[in-house]
Amino acid sequence: MSGINQVGGAGVGGAGGVQGGAIGGAQVGGADSGVSFKDLLVKNLNEVNQMQEDADSKLQNFLTGKTQNMGEVISASQKASMAFSMLTQIRNKLQDAYDEVKNLRV
């Protein structure tokens, strides 16, 4: 999750990784990146999902007594929460942009 990995130096980085994507084939950002916007979103969705699964796994290990490191559980949970929050904000901004384009008169 190169795009969603580096927010505040800890967890999720959303816009920082959106360097070059394609929307409908048109390049956005760096000309040499060659990454489509769809691929970038799918990759970030998978990474957020992986963070949430990791946090669940660490919580389960803590509750069953396999580990005693509560800080690790809290850190993983907060990282997953921040990643999901960032993804939700990106979705909201995309929806706002779509609504604005939809309402344009030609």
N, C-alpha and C. Protein backbone atom coordinates (compact mmCIF):
# COMPACT_ATOMS: atom_id res chain seq x y z
N MET A 1 0.83 -1.16 0.00
CA MET A 1 0.00 0.00 0.00
C MET A 1 0.88 1.22 0.00
N SER A 2 1.60 1.36 -1.04
CA SER A 2 2.53 2.47 -1.15
C SER A 2 1.81 3.79 -1.03
N GLY A 3 0.59 3.89 -1.50
CA GLY A 3 -0.15 5.13 -1.41
C GLY A 3 -0.77 5.33 -0.06
N ILE A 4 -1.18 4.27 0.58
CA ILE A 4 -1.88 4.41 1.84
C ILE A 4 -0.97 4.04 3.00
N ASN A 5 0.27 3.88 2.78
CA ASN A 5 1.16 3.44 3.84
C ASN A 5 1.74 4.54 4.70
N GLN A 6 1.80 5.75 4.26
CA GLN A 6 2.61 6.73 4.96
C GLN A 6 1.86 7.97 5.40
N VAL A 7 0.83 7.85 6.18
CA VAL A 7 0.17 9.03 6.72
C VAL A 7 0.79 9.35 8.05
N GLY A 8 1.26 10.53 8.18
CA GLY A 8 1.86 10.95 9.43
C GLY A 8 3.04 10.09 9.82
N GLY A 9 3.65 9.44 8.87
CA GLY A 9 4.82 8.64 9.13
C GLY A 9 4.50 7.30 9.77
N ALA A 10 3.23 6.98 10.00
CA ALA A 10 2.95 5.74 10.70
C ALA A 10 2.11 4.78 9.89
N GLY A 11 0.96 5.18 9.46
CA GLY A 11 0.06 4.19 8.92
C GLY A 11 -0.30 4.38 7.49
N VAL A 12 -1.22 5.19 7.23
CA VAL A 12 -1.87 5.25 5.95
C VAL A 12 -1.48 6.51 5.22
N GLY A 13 -1.22 6.44 3.94
CA GLY A 13 -0.74 7.61 3.23
C GLY A 13 -1.57 8.09 2.09
N GLY A 14 -2.69 7.60 1.81
CA GLY A 14 -3.62 8.01 0.77
C GLY A 14 -3.05 8.79 -0.38
N ALA A 15 -3.17 10.09 -0.35
CA ALA A 15 -2.82 10.92 -1.49
C ALA A 15 -1.33 10.93 -1.76
N GLY A 16 -0.51 10.66 -0.80
CA GLY A 16 0.92 10.68 -1.02
C GLY A 16 1.38 9.66 -2.05
N GLY A 17 0.67 8.55 -2.18
CA GLY A 17 1.07 7.53 -3.13
C GLY A 17 0.39 7.65 -4.46
N VAL A 18 -0.57 8.53 -4.60
CA VAL A 18 -1.26 8.69 -5.87
C VAL A 18 -0.42 9.59 -6.75
N GLN A 19 0.61 9.02 -7.32
CA GLN A 19 1.53 9.80 -8.12
C GLN A 19 1.17 9.75 -9.58
N GLY A 20 0.71 8.66 -10.04
CA GLY A 20 0.34 8.57 -11.44
C GLY A 20 -0.69 7.50 -11.63
N GLY A 21 -1.89 7.88 -11.95
CA GLY A 21 -2.92 6.90 -12.20
C GLY A 21 -3.62 7.25 -13.49
N ALA A 22 -4.42 6.35 -13.96
CA ALA A 22 -5.15 6.61 -15.19
C ALA A 22 -6.63 6.54 -14.88
N ILE A 23 -7.37 7.48 -15.37
CA ILE A 23 -8.81 7.47 -15.26
C ILE A 23 -9.34 7.39 -16.68
N GLY A 24 -9.93 6.26 -17.01
CA GLY A 24 -10.43 6.06 -18.36
C GLY A 24 -9.31 6.09 -19.38
N GLY A 25 -8.12 5.68 -19.00
CA GLY A 25 -7.00 5.62 -19.93
C GLY A 25 -6.15 6.87 -19.93
N ALA A 26 -6.63 7.96 -19.36
CA ALA A 26 -5.85 9.21 -19.34
C ALA A 26 -4.92 9.18 -18.15
N GLN A 27 -3.66 9.50 -18.36
CA GLN A 27 -2.69 9.50 -17.28
C GLN A 27 -2.89 10.70 -16.36
N VAL A 28 -2.75 10.44 -15.08
CA VAL A 28 -2.82 11.49 -14.07
C VAL A 28 -1.52 11.42 -13.29
N GLY A 29 -0.85 12.53 -13.11
CA GLY A 29 0.38 12.53 -12.33
C GLY A 29 1.59 12.33 -13.22
N GLY A 30 2.58 11.59 -12.71
CA GLY A 30 3.83 11.39 -13.43
C GLY A 30 3.66 10.62 -14.72
N ALA A 31 4.31 11.04 -15.78
CA ALA A 31 4.17 10.43 -17.08
C ALA A 31 4.80 9.05 -17.14
N ASP A 32 5.81 8.79 -16.33
CA ASP A 32 6.51 7.52 -16.40
C ASP A 32 6.00 6.48 -15.41
N SER A 33 5.00 6.80 -14.62
CA SER A 33 4.54 5.86 -13.60
C SER A 33 3.79 4.68 -14.20
N GLY A 34 2.88 4.91 -15.15
CA GLY A 34 2.18 3.84 -15.83
C GLY A 34 1.23 3.03 -14.97
N VAL A 35 0.83 3.50 -13.81
CA VAL A 35 -0.08 2.78 -12.94
C VAL A 35 -1.48 3.34 -13.15
N SER A 36 -2.44 2.45 -13.40
CA SER A 36 -3.80 2.93 -13.60
C SER A 36 -4.43 3.28 -12.25
N PHE A 37 -5.36 4.19 -12.29
CA PHE A 37 -6.04 4.62 -11.07
C PHE A 37 -6.79 3.45 -10.45
N LYS A 38 -7.43 2.65 -11.28
CA LYS A 38 -8.16 1.48 -10.80
C LYS A 38 -7.23 0.51 -10.07
N ASP A 39 -6.07 0.22 -10.70
CA ASP A 39 -5.11 -0.70 -10.08
C ASP A 39 -4.62 -0.17 -8.74
N LEU A 40 -4.39 1.14 -8.68
CA LEU A 40 -3.94 1.76 -7.44
C LEU A 40 -5.00 1.64 -6.35
N LEU A 41 -6.26 1.87 -6.70
CA LEU A 41 -7.34 1.74 -5.71
C LEU A 41 -7.49 0.30 -5.23
N VAL A 42 -7.46 -0.64 -6.17
CA VAL A 42 -7.60 -2.05 -5.79
C VAL A 42 -6.45 -2.48 -4.88
N LYS A 43 -5.24 -2.06 -5.22
CA LYS A 43 -4.08 -2.39 -4.40
C LYS A 43 -4.25 -1.83 -2.99
N ASN A 44 -4.68 -0.57 -2.90
CA ASN A 44 -4.86 0.06 -1.59
C ASN A 44 -5.99 -0.58 -0.81
N LEU A 45 -7.06 -0.96 -1.48
CA LEU A 45 -8.16 -1.67 -0.81
C LEU A 45 -7.66 -2.99 -0.23
N ASN A 46 -6.88 -3.71 -0.99
CA ASN A 46 -6.34 -4.98 -0.50
C ASN A 46 -5.41 -4.78 0.69
N GLU A 47 -4.63 -3.72 0.66
CA GLU A 47 -3.71 -3.46 1.77
C GLU A 47 -4.45 -3.03 3.03
N VAL A 48 -5.52 -2.26 2.87
CA VAL A 48 -6.34 -1.88 4.04
C VAL A 48 -7.00 -3.13 4.61
N ASN A 49 -7.49 -3.98 3.74
CA ASN A 49 -8.09 -5.23 4.19
C ASN A 49 -7.06 -6.08 4.94
N GLN A 50 -5.84 -6.14 4.43
CA GLN A 50 -4.79 -6.90 5.09
C GLN A 50 -4.47 -6.31 6.47
N MET A 51 -4.44 -4.98 6.57
CA MET A 51 -4.20 -4.34 7.87
C MET A 51 -5.29 -4.70 8.87
N GLN A 52 -6.54 -4.72 8.41
CA GLN A 52 -7.64 -5.05 9.30
C GLN A 52 -7.57 -6.52 9.74
N GLU A 53 -7.21 -7.40 8.81
CA GLU A 53 -7.06 -8.81 9.17
C GLU A 53 -5.90 -9.01 10.15
N ASP A 54 -4.82 -8.26 9.95
CA ASP A 54 -3.67 -8.34 10.85
C ASP A 54 -4.05 -7.87 12.25
N ALA A 55 -4.81 -6.76 12.32
CA ALA A 55 -5.25 -6.26 13.62
C ALA A 55 -6.16 -7.26 14.31
N ASP A 56 -7.06 -7.88 13.55
CA ASP A 56 -7.94 -8.91 14.13
C ASP A 56 -7.14 -10.10 14.64
N SER A 57 -6.15 -10.50 13.86
CA SER A 57 -5.31 -11.63 14.25
C SER A 57 -4.53 -11.32 15.53
N LYS A 58 -3.97 -10.12 15.62
CA LYS A 58 -3.22 -9.75 16.82
C LYS A 58 -4.12 -9.65 18.05
N LEU A 59 -5.34 -9.16 17.85
CA LEU A 59 -6.29 -9.11 18.96
C LEU A 59 -6.67 -10.52 19.41
N GLN A 60 -6.91 -11.39 18.44
CA GLN A 60 -7.25 -12.78 18.77
C GLN A 60 -6.11 -13.46 19.53
N ASN A 61 -4.88 -13.21 19.08
CA ASN A 61 -3.72 -13.79 19.77
C ASN A 61 -3.60 -13.26 21.20
N PHE A 62 -3.90 -11.98 21.38
CA PHE A 62 -3.85 -11.39 22.72
C PHE A 62 -4.93 -11.99 23.62
N LEU A 63 -6.13 -12.11 23.07
CA LEU A 63 -7.24 -12.63 23.88
C LEU A 63 -7.07 -14.11 24.24
N THR A 64 -6.41 -14.86 23.38
CA THR A 64 -6.20 -16.28 23.67
C THR A 64 -4.93 -16.54 24.47
N GLY A 65 -4.17 -15.48 24.74
CA GLY A 65 -2.97 -15.63 25.56
C GLY A 65 -1.72 -16.01 24.81
N LYS A 66 -1.77 -16.01 23.48
CA LYS A 66 -0.58 -16.35 22.69
C LYS A 66 0.47 -15.25 22.75
N THR A 67 0.04 -14.04 23.02
CA THR A 67 0.96 -12.91 23.16
C THR A 67 0.50 -12.02 24.31
N GLN A 68 1.43 -11.31 24.90
CA GLN A 68 1.10 -10.41 26.00
C GLN A 68 1.34 -8.95 25.64
N ASN A 69 1.65 -8.67 24.38
CA ASN A 69 2.01 -7.34 23.94
C ASN A 69 0.77 -6.53 23.54
N MET A 70 0.19 -5.83 24.50
CA MET A 70 -1.00 -5.02 24.26
C MET A 70 -0.71 -3.84 23.34
N GLY A 71 0.49 -3.29 23.43
CA GLY A 71 0.87 -2.16 22.58
C GLY A 71 0.82 -2.52 21.10
N GLU A 72 1.24 -3.74 20.77
CA GLU A 72 1.21 -4.20 19.39
C GLU A 72 -0.23 -4.30 18.88
N VAL A 73 -1.12 -4.77 19.74
CA VAL A 73 -2.54 -4.89 19.39
C VAL A 73 -3.14 -3.50 19.14
N ILE A 74 -2.86 -2.58 20.04
CA ILE A 74 -3.40 -1.22 19.90
C ILE A 74 -2.84 -0.55 18.66
N SER A 75 -1.55 -0.70 18.42
CA SER A 75 -0.93 -0.09 17.25
C SER A 75 -1.52 -0.62 15.95
N ALA A 76 -1.67 -1.93 15.84
CA ALA A 76 -2.24 -2.54 14.64
C ALA A 76 -3.69 -2.10 14.44
N SER A 77 -4.43 -2.01 15.53
CA SER A 77 -5.83 -1.58 15.45
C SER A 77 -5.94 -0.13 15.00
N GLN A 78 -5.11 0.74 15.54
CA GLN A 78 -5.15 2.15 15.14
C GLN A 78 -4.69 2.34 13.71
N LYS A 79 -3.70 1.58 13.29
CA LYS A 79 -3.22 1.66 11.92
C LYS A 79 -4.33 1.25 10.95
N ALA A 80 -5.02 0.16 11.26
CA ALA A 80 -6.11 -0.31 10.40
C ALA A 80 -7.27 0.69 10.40
N SER A 81 -7.55 1.27 11.55
CA SER A 81 -8.61 2.26 11.64
C SER A 81 -8.29 3.50 10.81
N MET A 82 -7.06 3.96 10.90
CA MET A 82 -6.66 5.14 10.13
C MET A 82 -6.68 4.85 8.63
N ALA A 83 -6.24 3.67 8.24
CA ALA A 83 -6.25 3.29 6.83
C ALA A 83 -7.68 3.26 6.29
N PHE A 84 -8.59 2.69 7.07
CA PHE A 84 -9.99 2.63 6.65
C PHE A 84 -10.60 4.02 6.58
N SER A 85 -10.27 4.86 7.54
CA SER A 85 -10.76 6.23 7.54
C SER A 85 -10.27 7.00 6.32
N MET A 86 -9.01 6.82 5.98
CA MET A 86 -8.45 7.48 4.80
C MET A 86 -9.15 7.00 3.53
N LEU A 87 -9.37 5.70 3.43
CA LEU A 87 -10.05 5.16 2.26
C LEU A 87 -11.48 5.69 2.17
N THR A 88 -12.14 5.84 3.30
CA THR A 88 -13.49 6.40 3.31
C THR A 88 -13.48 7.84 2.83
N GLN A 89 -12.50 8.61 3.26
CA GLN A 89 -12.39 10.00 2.81
C GLN A 89 -12.12 10.09 1.31
N ILE A 90 -11.27 9.20 0.81
CA ILE A 90 -11.00 9.17 -0.63
C ILE A 90 -12.28 8.84 -1.39
N ARG A 91 -13.03 7.87 -0.90
CA ARG A 91 -14.31 7.52 -1.53
C ARG A 91 -15.26 8.71 -1.54
N ASN A 92 -15.34 9.43 -0.42
CA ASN A 92 -16.23 10.58 -0.34
C ASN A 92 -15.82 11.67 -1.33
N LYS A 93 -14.52 11.92 -1.45
CA LYS A 93 -14.04 12.94 -2.40
C LYS A 93 -14.32 12.51 -3.84
N LEU A 94 -14.14 11.24 -4.14
CA LEU A 94 -14.45 10.76 -5.49
C LEU A 94 -15.94 10.89 -5.79
N GLN A 95 -16.77 10.60 -4.80
CA GLN A 95 -18.23 10.73 -4.98
C GLN A 95 -18.61 12.19 -5.21
N ASP A 96 -18.01 13.09 -4.46
CA ASP A 96 -18.26 14.52 -4.64
C ASP A 96 -17.85 14.98 -6.03
N ALA A 97 -16.69 14.52 -6.49
CA ALA A 97 -16.22 14.89 -7.83
C ALA A 97 -17.14 14.34 -8.90
N TYR A 98 -17.58 13.09 -8.73
CA TYR A 98 -18.51 12.49 -9.69
C TYR A 98 -19.82 13.27 -9.74
N ASP A 99 -20.35 13.62 -8.57
CA ASP A 99 -21.61 14.38 -8.53
C ASP A 99 -21.46 15.73 -9.20
N GLU A 100 -20.32 16.37 -9.00
CA GLU A 100 -20.08 17.68 -9.61
C GLU A 100 -19.99 17.56 -11.13
N VAL A 101 -19.30 16.55 -11.63
CA VAL A 101 -19.20 16.34 -13.08
C VAL A 101 -20.56 15.98 -13.65
N LYS A 102 -21.32 15.20 -12.94
CA LYS A 102 -22.65 14.77 -13.40
C LYS A 102 -23.58 15.98 -13.53
N ASN A 103 -23.41 16.96 -12.68
CA ASN A 103 -24.31 18.13 -12.69
C ASN A 103 -23.87 19.22 -13.66
N LEU A 104 -22.74 19.03 -14.33
CA LEU A 104 -22.30 20.03 -15.30
C LEU A 104 -23.25 20.06 -16.49
N ARG A 105 -23.52 21.26 -16.98
CA ARG A 105 -24.37 21.38 -18.17
C ARG A 105 -23.48 21.57 -19.38
N VAL A 106 -23.81 20.82 -20.40
CA VAL A 106 -23.00 20.89 -21.61
C VAL A 106 -23.73 21.67 -22.68
